Amino acid sequence: MPELPEVETVRRGLQPVMEGKTIARADVMRPDLRWPLPDRMAERLTGRRITAMRRRSKYILLDLDSAESLIIHLGMSGRMQIDSEPSADFHHNPTIALKHDHVIFHMENGTRIAFNDARRFGAMDLAPTDQLENHWLIEKLGPEPFGNTFNEDYLVEKLRHKNSPIKSALLDQRLVAGLGNIYVCEVLFRTGISPKRKASAISKARVASLVPAIRDVLSEAIESGGSSLRDHRQTNGELGYFQHNFSVYDREGETCRTEGCGTKIARIVQSGRSSFYCPTCQR
């Protein structure tokens, strides 16, 4: 599932060709993705100018001049593919079948943008822009990790009564929006905290250290174009490459990269998700 860096990478790739531009025509090729698509979706998008492109957690938000916003969730395999020419050659990866182009945006300047999703775990919805924070997909989300409300005092307060493991706590989208399995593993390694530690048992100083570590890891991943493990690609078809910088994620049995450590990276399963960590460096 794409995490915040992957979604932000896609948003940045789309912004130059969509923000401030008009959707000359929208083609909606099927009635549903993960859930039913909005009523009259093609009609409500066609002729509308995109006034702003934003990201909230793992959702891309397209604000329209109709006072509605399009909510886009990429799901497990969703991709936004850009082409300057309306032809089948726009796919940089020929294994991405055109039959999986479920929603196509034809922009006023001739650019074609297709939402391609083979597994159809993605989602789209339209909602009034001024009521987005009350939308069922967004209303329970916690603060953005780069926002001012996500700070050391906030995290210390939120975790002091949490009896769940710190790994599970940080994956809770109500606590902080956008974090996923990959980047929580990397953050915990950088701060030397074991994923097994009970959140409430971690000292205030160590909890506080999580905030800059979260921001640093996410920033580095965004600059790297995200992590391409299976399905994620940037809008130009290129793979992200932050996976080459992983310290622990998906490195079970490999040697810890901390100088002088030599311990093998371990993997455990927590709440159905794999946690990777160094048993020596993380306590």
Protein backbone atom coordinates (compact mmCIF):
# COMPACT_ATOMS: atom_id res chain seq x y z
CA MET A 1 0.00 0.00 0.00
CA PRO A 2 1.53 3.37 -0.95
CA GLU A 3 2.50 5.43 2.07
CA LEU A 4 2.81 9.19 2.44
CA PRO A 5 6.06 9.57 0.41
CA GLU A 6 4.68 7.62 -2.54
CA VAL A 7 1.44 9.61 -2.55
CA GLU A 8 3.28 12.92 -2.21
CA THR A 9 5.59 11.92 -5.07
CA VAL A 10 2.56 11.26 -7.29
CA ARG A 11 0.95 14.57 -6.26
CA ARG A 12 4.10 16.49 -7.16
CA GLY A 13 4.29 14.73 -10.50
CA LEU A 14 0.70 15.60 -11.34
CA GLN A 15 0.75 19.18 -10.11
CA PRO A 16 2.44 20.82 -13.13
CA VAL A 17 -0.01 19.27 -15.61
CA MET A 18 -3.21 19.51 -13.55
CA GLU A 19 -3.17 22.40 -11.08
CA GLY A 20 -4.70 25.52 -12.60
CA LYS A 21 -5.74 23.53 -15.69
CA THR A 22 -9.19 22.60 -16.98
CA ILE A 23 -10.38 19.03 -17.47
CA ALA A 24 -11.63 19.17 -21.06
CA ARG A 25 -13.19 15.72 -20.73
CA ALA A 26 -13.30 12.99 -18.13
CA ASP A 27 -13.90 9.38 -19.12
CA VAL A 28 -15.16 7.02 -16.43
CA MET A 29 -14.81 3.51 -17.77
CA ARG A 30 -16.54 1.53 -15.03
CA PRO A 31 -19.05 2.16 -12.21
CA ASP A 32 -16.76 1.23 -9.34
CA LEU A 33 -13.26 0.67 -8.03
CA ARG A 34 -12.99 -0.52 -4.44
CA TRP A 35 -16.34 1.20 -3.87
CA PRO A 36 -18.90 2.67 -6.28
CA LEU A 37 -17.71 5.82 -8.04
CA PRO A 38 -19.71 9.05 -7.52
CA ASP A 39 -22.92 9.63 -9.44
CA ARG A 40 -22.43 11.53 -12.71
CA MET A 41 -18.69 11.60 -12.05
CA ALA A 42 -17.67 12.27 -15.66
CA GLU A 43 -20.20 15.09 -15.96
CA ARG A 44 -19.14 16.67 -12.66
CA LEU A 45 -15.46 16.65 -13.69
CA THR A 46 -15.73 17.68 -17.34
CA GLY A 47 -15.12 21.40 -17.88
CA ARG A 48 -13.96 21.97 -14.31
CA ARG A 49 -10.74 23.81 -13.51
CA ILE A 50 -8.47 22.32 -10.85
CA THR A 51 -7.77 25.22 -8.50
CA ALA A 52 -5.42 23.36 -6.15
CA MET A 53 -3.85 19.94 -5.60
CA ARG A 54 -3.26 18.83 -2.06
CA ARG A 55 -2.46 15.72 -0.07
CA ARG A 56 -4.12 14.61 3.15
CA SER A 57 -2.50 11.52 4.63
CA LYS A 58 -2.51 8.97 1.78
CA TYR A 59 -5.17 10.79 -0.25
CA ILE A 60 -4.65 13.17 -3.18
CA LEU A 61 -7.19 16.00 -3.21
CA LEU A 62 -8.11 17.92 -6.37
CA ASP A 63 -10.03 21.10 -5.54
CA LEU A 64 -12.33 22.13 -8.39
CA ASP A 65 -13.85 25.48 -9.33
CA SER A 66 -17.27 23.87 -8.74
CA ALA A 67 -16.59 23.96 -4.97
CA GLU A 68 -16.18 20.18 -5.02
CA SER A 69 -13.01 18.19 -4.45
CA LEU A 70 -12.00 14.87 -5.98
CA ILE A 71 -10.55 12.45 -3.44
CA ILE A 72 -8.11 9.91 -4.91
CA HIS A 73 -6.71 6.89 -3.10
CA LEU A 74 -4.23 4.80 -5.06
CA GLY A 75 -4.94 1.55 -3.24
CA MET A 76 -2.43 -1.26 -3.68
CA SER A 77 -1.76 -1.00 -7.39
CA GLY A 78 -3.25 2.31 -8.54
CA ARG A 79 -1.08 4.53 -10.75
CA MET A 80 -1.55 7.92 -12.32
CA GLN A 81 0.10 7.82 -15.75
CA ILE A 82 0.78 11.00 -17.74
CA ASP A 83 1.11 11.31 -21.51
CA SER A 84 1.37 14.41 -23.65
CA GLU A 85 -0.06 12.55 -26.62
CA PRO A 86 -3.39 10.69 -26.64
CA SER A 87 -2.07 7.33 -27.72
CA ALA A 88 -1.53 3.88 -26.30
CA ASP A 89 2.21 4.56 -26.22
CA PHE A 90 1.99 6.73 -23.11
CA HIS A 91 2.56 3.81 -20.75
CA HIS A 92 6.22 3.68 -19.80
CA ASN A 93 5.73 0.08 -18.69
CA PRO A 94 4.09 -1.98 -21.47
CA THR A 95 2.93 -4.58 -18.91
CA ILE A 96 0.43 -2.02 -17.56
CA ALA A 97 -2.61 -2.96 -19.62
CA LEU A 98 -4.77 -0.19 -21.07
CA LYS A 99 -7.83 -2.19 -20.04
CA HIS A 100 -7.06 -1.17 -16.47
CA ASP A 101 -7.34 2.56 -17.28
CA HIS A 102 -10.51 3.15 -15.27
CA VAL A 103 -10.66 6.96 -15.13
CA ILE A 104 -9.04 9.17 -17.78
CA PHE A 105 -8.57 12.93 -17.57
CA HIS A 106 -8.16 14.73 -20.90
CA MET A 107 -6.72 18.12 -19.99
CA GLU A 108 -7.27 21.31 -21.99
CA ASN A 109 -3.67 21.31 -23.28
CA GLY A 110 -3.93 17.78 -24.70
CA THR A 111 -2.30 15.99 -21.77
CA ARG A 112 -3.87 12.64 -20.96
CA ILE A 113 -3.78 11.35 -17.39
CA ALA A 114 -5.07 7.86 -16.64
CA PHE A 115 -5.82 6.21 -13.33
CA ASN A 116 -4.68 2.65 -13.94
CA ASP A 117 -5.50 0.06 -11.28
CA ALA A 118 -5.29 -3.65 -12.08
CA ARG A 119 -6.52 -4.82 -8.67
CA ARG A 120 -9.13 -2.09 -8.25
CA PHE A 121 -8.33 -1.46 -4.58
CA GLY A 122 -8.10 2.27 -5.32
CA ALA A 123 -10.95 4.68 -4.70
CA MET A 124 -12.31 8.03 -5.86
CA ASP A 125 -15.04 10.23 -4.46
CA LEU A 126 -16.37 13.76 -4.90
CA ALA A 127 -17.31 15.91 -1.92
CA PRO A 128 -17.92 19.61 -1.14
CA THR A 129 -14.53 21.24 -0.63
CA ASP A 130 -15.58 23.04 2.52
CA GLN A 131 -16.75 19.78 4.08
CA LEU A 132 -13.77 17.56 3.27
CA GLU A 133 -12.64 17.29 6.89
CA ASN A 134 -16.01 15.68 7.63
CA HIS A 135 -15.76 13.11 4.84
CA TRP A 136 -15.80 9.56 6.17
CA LEU A 137 -12.39 8.78 4.67
CA ILE A 138 -10.76 11.82 6.28
CA GLU A 139 -12.65 12.80 9.43
CA LYS A 140 -10.77 10.51 11.82
CA LEU A 141 -7.27 11.17 10.49
CA GLY A 142 -4.67 12.52 12.89
CA PRO A 143 -2.36 15.48 12.21
CA GLU A 144 0.03 15.57 9.27
CA PRO A 145 3.60 14.63 10.29
CA PHE A 146 4.95 17.86 8.75
CA GLY A 147 2.30 20.06 10.38
CA ASN A 148 2.78 22.28 13.42
CA THR A 149 0.23 20.35 15.48
CA PHE A 150 2.35 17.21 15.25
CA ASN A 151 5.09 17.99 17.76
CA GLU A 152 6.94 16.48 20.71
CA ASP A 153 4.38 17.53 23.31
CA TYR A 154 1.51 16.14 21.23
CA LEU A 155 3.15 12.75 20.73
CA VAL A 156 4.22 12.40 24.38
CA GLU A 157 0.66 13.11 25.49
CA LYS A 158 -0.91 10.73 22.99
CA LEU A 159 1.40 7.83 23.82
CA ARG A 160 1.59 8.05 27.59
CA HIS A 161 -1.50 5.87 28.08
CA LYS A 162 -1.01 3.62 25.03
CA ASN A 163 -0.48 0.00 26.07
CA SER A 164 0.03 -1.24 22.53
CA PRO A 165 3.50 -1.77 21.05
CA ILE A 166 5.02 1.44 19.70
CA LYS A 167 5.00 -0.01 16.18
CA SER A 168 1.22 -0.51 16.27
CA ALA A 169 0.66 2.89 17.87
CA LEU A 170 2.52 4.74 15.11
CA LEU A 171 0.56 2.90 12.43
CA ASP A 172 -2.70 4.23 13.88
CA GLN A 173 -3.85 6.88 11.39
CA ARG A 174 -5.77 8.61 14.17
CA LEU A 175 -2.47 9.34 15.91
CA VAL A 176 -0.53 10.62 12.90
CA ALA A 177 -1.63 10.58 9.28
CA GLY A 178 0.23 8.91 6.45
CA LEU A 179 2.69 6.63 8.24
CA GLY A 180 2.85 3.03 7.08
CA ASN A 181 4.75 -0.14 7.78
CA ILE A 182 7.91 0.64 5.83
CA TYR A 183 8.64 4.04 7.29
CA VAL A 184 7.69 3.18 10.88
CA CYS A 185 10.27 0.37 10.77
CA GLU A 186 12.90 2.82 9.54
CA VAL A 187 11.96 5.50 12.09
CA LEU A 188 12.19 3.07 14.99
CA PHE A 189 15.62 1.94 13.86
CA ARG A 190 16.89 5.51 13.69
CA THR A 191 15.66 6.23 17.20
CA GLY A 192 16.92 2.93 18.63
CA ILE A 193 13.46 1.89 19.82
CA SER A 194 12.35 -1.73 19.58
CA PRO A 195 9.03 -2.23 17.78
CA LYS A 196 8.05 -4.50 20.69
CA ARG A 197 8.32 -1.79 23.35
CA LYS A 198 5.04 -0.76 24.93
CA ALA A 199 4.37 2.84 23.87
CA SER A 200 3.58 4.07 27.37
CA ALA A 201 6.82 2.60 28.73
CA ILE A 202 9.07 4.71 26.49
CA SER A 203 10.63 7.77 28.12
CA LYS A 204 9.47 11.25 27.14
CA ALA A 205 12.86 12.05 25.64
CA ARG A 206 12.80 8.98 23.40
CA VAL A 207 9.21 9.63 22.34
CA ALA A 208 10.16 13.22 21.51
CA SER A 209 13.00 11.93 19.32
CA LEU A 210 10.46 10.20 17.12
CA VAL A 211 9.08 13.48 15.74
CA PRO A 212 12.22 14.71 13.92
CA ALA A 213 13.04 11.13 12.88
CA ILE A 214 9.61 10.74 11.28
CA ARG A 215 10.04 13.99 9.38
CA ASP A 216 13.57 13.14 8.28
CA VAL A 217 12.71 9.66 7.02
CA LEU A 218 9.62 10.87 5.15
CA SER A 219 11.49 13.83 3.63
CA GLU A 220 14.31 11.61 2.40
CA ALA A 221 11.83 9.13 0.93
CA ILE A 222 9.94 11.89 -0.89
CA GLU A 223 13.17 13.21 -2.39
CA SER A 224 13.95 9.65 -3.53
CA GLY A 225 10.58 9.30 -5.25
CA GLY A 226 9.24 6.88 -2.67
CA SER A 227 9.96 3.17 -2.35
CA SER A 228 9.24 0.79 -5.24
CA LEU A 229 8.77 -2.70 -3.87
CA ARG A 230 6.02 -4.03 -6.10
CA ASP A 231 3.56 -1.64 -7.67
CA HIS A 232 4.59 1.94 -6.95
CA ARG A 233 5.79 4.05 -9.86
CA GLN A 234 6.09 7.76 -10.28
CA THR A 235 3.83 9.56 -12.75
CA ASN A 236 6.57 9.43 -15.39
CA GLY A 237 6.74 5.65 -15.09
CA GLU A 238 10.04 5.63 -13.20
CA LEU A 239 10.57 3.67 -10.02
CA GLY A 240 11.25 5.30 -6.69
CA TYR A 241 14.55 4.29 -5.12
CA PHE A 242 14.35 4.89 -1.35
CA GLN A 243 14.26 1.11 -0.91
CA HIS A 244 18.01 1.15 -1.58
CA ASN A 245 18.39 3.19 1.61
CA PHE A 246 16.46 0.85 3.89
CA SER A 247 18.29 0.18 7.13
CA VAL A 248 16.00 -2.61 8.31
CA TYR A 249 12.85 -2.99 6.22
CA ASP A 250 12.81 -6.19 4.13
CA ARG A 251 16.39 -6.99 5.26
CA GLU A 252 15.72 -10.03 7.44
CA GLY A 253 18.92 -12.02 8.02
CA GLU A 254 21.18 -9.30 6.62
CA THR A 255 23.80 -7.56 8.75
CA CYS A 256 22.85 -4.39 10.60
CA ARG A 257 24.30 -1.33 8.90
CA THR A 258 25.35 0.30 12.17
CA GLU A 259 29.14 0.36 12.21
CA GLY A 260 30.53 -2.31 14.53
CA CYS A 261 27.17 -3.96 15.24
CA GLY A 262 27.23 -7.15 13.15
CA THR A 263 23.79 -8.34 14.36
CA LYS A 264 21.40 -9.86 11.84
CA ILE A 265 18.19 -7.99 11.14
CA ALA A 266 15.21 -9.81 12.65
CA ARG A 267 11.59 -10.00 11.56
CA ILE A 268 8.54 -10.48 13.73
CA VAL A 269 4.83 -10.25 12.92
CA GLN A 270 2.76 -7.62 14.72
CA SER A 271 -0.94 -7.20 14.00
CA GLY A 272 -0.47 -9.11 10.78
CA ARG A 273 2.38 -6.88 9.56
CA SER A 274 6.08 -7.67 9.37
CA SER A 275 8.33 -5.64 11.66
CA PHE A 276 12.03 -5.53 10.85
CA TYR A 277 14.54 -4.40 13.46
CA CYS A 278 18.01 -4.87 14.94
CA PRO A 279 17.79 -6.70 18.28
CA THR A 280 21.05 -5.07 19.41
CA CYS A 281 20.59 -1.46 18.31
CA GLN A 282 16.91 -1.23 19.20
CA ARG A 283 15.79 -1.57 22.81
